[in-house]
Amino acid sequence: RLGRAASPKKAGDMYRAIPVANKACAERARNRHHEMHKERIKQMKAQVDNSEPHVIHMDHVRHNLKREQMLEERYCQIDRDNTMLLQRMSEMMKQTRTPTRSASGPPSLGRDARKHELMRITQENGAILKRIQHA
């Protein structure tokens, strides 16, 4: 077969056994290689360091002092604003204001005339109601 041209592979060639001189020796060598492989896998160390960082115990890394300072300043500003609002509200409550006519507009010139007209209409309606009830 050495002198012949390469023939196309058959479908069963892939699963053919590798030719060996002694099957028992070959099996023993294969088992030894497999056991050595399993032992190397057991002894293998991780390539990624999953331990906690050494800087985790340092306070300046765990606490963000600038953020805490900014929050404290913000809370102080809110307290100052609330105090100012409270003072303004208390001053408003202390002042006794009476509503003035100028705030609601000029006084009505025909108010009394409208009031008399409404009274007259109400009396007429009452008289009509009595006539209807007695009829």
Protein backbone atom coordinates (compact mmCIF):
# COMPACT_ATOMS: atom_id res chain seq x y z
CA ARG A 1 0.00 0.00 0.00
CA LEU A 2 2.85 2.43 0.40
CA GLY A 3 3.41 2.82 -3.30
CA ARG A 4 -0.20 3.53 -4.12
CA ALA A 5 -1.80 6.95 -4.40
CA ALA A 6 -3.89 8.19 -1.49
CA SER A 7 -7.28 6.60 -1.72
CA PRO A 8 -10.42 8.29 -0.45
CA LYS A 9 -11.18 7.44 3.19
CA LYS A 10 -13.98 5.09 3.95
CA ALA A 11 -16.70 5.89 6.50
CA GLY A 12 -15.44 3.26 8.97
CA ASP A 13 -11.80 4.44 8.94
CA MET A 14 -12.39 7.02 11.65
CA TYR A 15 -13.28 4.41 14.28
CA ARG A 16 -10.48 2.01 13.46
CA ALA A 17 -8.22 0.92 16.30
CA ILE A 18 -4.69 2.30 16.34
CA PRO A 19 -2.32 -0.54 15.44
CA VAL A 20 -0.13 -1.59 18.39
CA ALA A 21 2.43 -4.36 18.88
CA ASN A 22 1.03 -5.60 22.20
CA LYS A 23 -2.57 -4.78 23.22
CA ALA A 24 -1.99 -5.41 26.95
CA CYS A 25 1.04 -3.08 27.09
CA ALA A 26 -0.80 -0.44 25.10
CA GLU A 27 -3.84 -0.63 27.44
CA ARG A 28 -1.57 -0.36 30.49
CA ALA A 29 0.24 2.66 29.00
CA ARG A 30 -3.10 4.31 28.13
CA ASN A 31 -4.40 3.77 31.69
CA ARG A 32 -1.15 5.15 33.18
CA HIS A 33 -1.38 8.27 31.01
CA HIS A 34 -5.04 8.70 31.98
CA GLU A 35 -4.25 8.42 35.73
CA MET A 36 -1.38 10.91 35.39
CA HIS A 37 -3.77 13.26 33.58
CA LYS A 38 -6.38 12.98 36.38
CA GLU A 39 -3.68 13.62 39.01
CA ARG A 40 -2.45 16.73 37.19
CA ILE A 41 -6.04 18.02 37.03
CA LYS A 42 -6.45 17.49 40.81
CA GLN A 43 -3.23 19.37 41.57
CA MET A 44 -3.99 22.24 39.21
CA LYS A 45 -4.30 25.69 40.82
CA ALA A 46 -6.81 28.32 39.77
CA GLN A 47 -5.51 30.94 37.36
CA VAL A 48 -7.86 33.64 38.72
CA ASP A 49 -7.33 35.06 42.21
CA ASN A 50 -10.76 35.00 43.88
CA SER A 51 -9.55 36.04 47.34
CA GLU A 52 -10.67 39.35 48.84
CA PRO A 53 -8.40 42.31 48.12
CA HIS A 54 -5.87 43.36 50.76
CA VAL A 55 -7.11 46.96 50.69
CA ILE A 56 -10.56 45.95 51.97
CA HIS A 57 -9.36 46.45 55.53
CA MET A 58 -8.24 50.02 54.91
CA ASP A 59 -10.73 52.57 56.23
CA HIS A 60 -10.02 55.22 53.59
CA VAL A 61 -11.11 52.79 50.88
CA ARG A 62 -14.26 51.56 52.62
CA HIS A 63 -15.56 55.01 53.63
CA ASN A 64 -16.07 57.71 51.04
CA LEU A 65 -15.37 60.74 53.21
CA LYS A 66 -16.00 63.29 50.47
CA ARG A 67 -19.45 61.84 49.79
CA GLU A 68 -20.28 61.89 53.50
CA GLN A 69 -19.13 65.51 53.75
CA MET A 70 -21.27 66.55 50.79
CA LEU A 71 -24.31 64.78 52.23
CA GLU A 72 -23.78 66.51 55.58
CA GLU A 73 -23.56 69.91 53.87
CA ARG A 74 -26.73 69.17 51.91
CA TYR A 75 -28.62 68.21 55.07
CA CYS A 76 -27.42 71.40 56.80
CA GLN A 77 -28.67 73.49 53.86
CA ILE A 78 -32.06 71.76 54.00
CA ASP A 79 -32.28 72.43 57.75
CA ARG A 80 -31.46 76.12 57.22
CA ASP A 81 -34.11 76.41 54.50
CA ASN A 82 -36.70 74.68 56.68
CA THR A 83 -35.91 77.01 59.59
CA MET A 84 -36.32 80.07 57.36
CA LEU A 85 -39.66 78.78 56.04
CA LEU A 86 -40.87 78.09 59.55
CA GLN A 87 -39.96 81.61 60.66
CA ARG A 88 -41.81 83.12 57.71
CA MET A 89 -44.88 81.01 58.42
CA SER A 90 -44.87 81.96 62.11
CA GLU A 91 -44.61 85.66 61.19
CA MET A 92 -47.58 85.27 58.86
CA MET A 93 -49.60 83.57 61.59
CA LYS A 94 -48.80 86.34 64.10
CA GLN A 95 -50.00 89.11 61.80
CA THR A 96 -53.75 89.63 61.91
CA ARG A 97 -54.85 90.82 58.55
CA THR A 98 -58.36 91.90 57.74
CA PRO A 99 -59.34 91.51 54.11
CA THR A 100 -59.62 94.89 52.49
CA ARG A 101 -62.07 95.85 49.78
CA SER A 102 -59.24 96.90 47.49
CA ALA A 103 -58.02 93.32 47.36
CA SER A 104 -61.38 92.04 46.06
CA GLY A 105 -61.99 94.96 43.70
CA PRO A 106 -63.92 98.22 43.82
CA PRO A 107 -67.19 98.31 45.78
CA SER A 108 -70.29 97.58 43.76
CA LEU A 109 -72.42 100.64 43.10
CA GLY A 110 -75.61 98.73 42.29
CA ARG A 111 -75.45 96.18 45.10
CA ASP A 112 -78.35 97.62 47.09
CA ALA A 113 -80.55 97.92 44.00
CA ARG A 114 -79.88 94.29 43.06
CA LYS A 115 -80.66 93.17 46.58
CA HIS A 116 -84.04 95.00 46.56
CA GLU A 117 -84.86 93.57 43.12
CA LEU A 118 -84.07 90.02 44.35
CA MET A 119 -86.33 90.53 47.40
CA ARG A 120 -89.18 91.78 45.19
CA ILE A 121 -88.85 88.79 42.80
CA THR A 122 -88.80 86.36 45.74
CA GLN A 123 -92.01 87.90 47.19
CA GLU A 124 -93.77 87.75 43.83
CA ASN A 125 -92.79 84.09 43.40
CA GLY A 126 -94.15 83.34 46.86
CA ALA A 127 -97.48 85.05 46.01
CA ILE A 128 -97.77 83.07 42.75
CA LEU A 129 -97.07 79.83 44.64
CA LYS A 130 -99.88 80.60 47.13
CA ARG A 131 -102.37 81.26 44.34
CA ILE A 132 -101.46 77.99 42.64
CA GLN A 133 -101.80 76.01 45.85
CA HIS A 134 -105.27 77.51 46.68
CA ALA A 135 -106.65 77.15 43.20
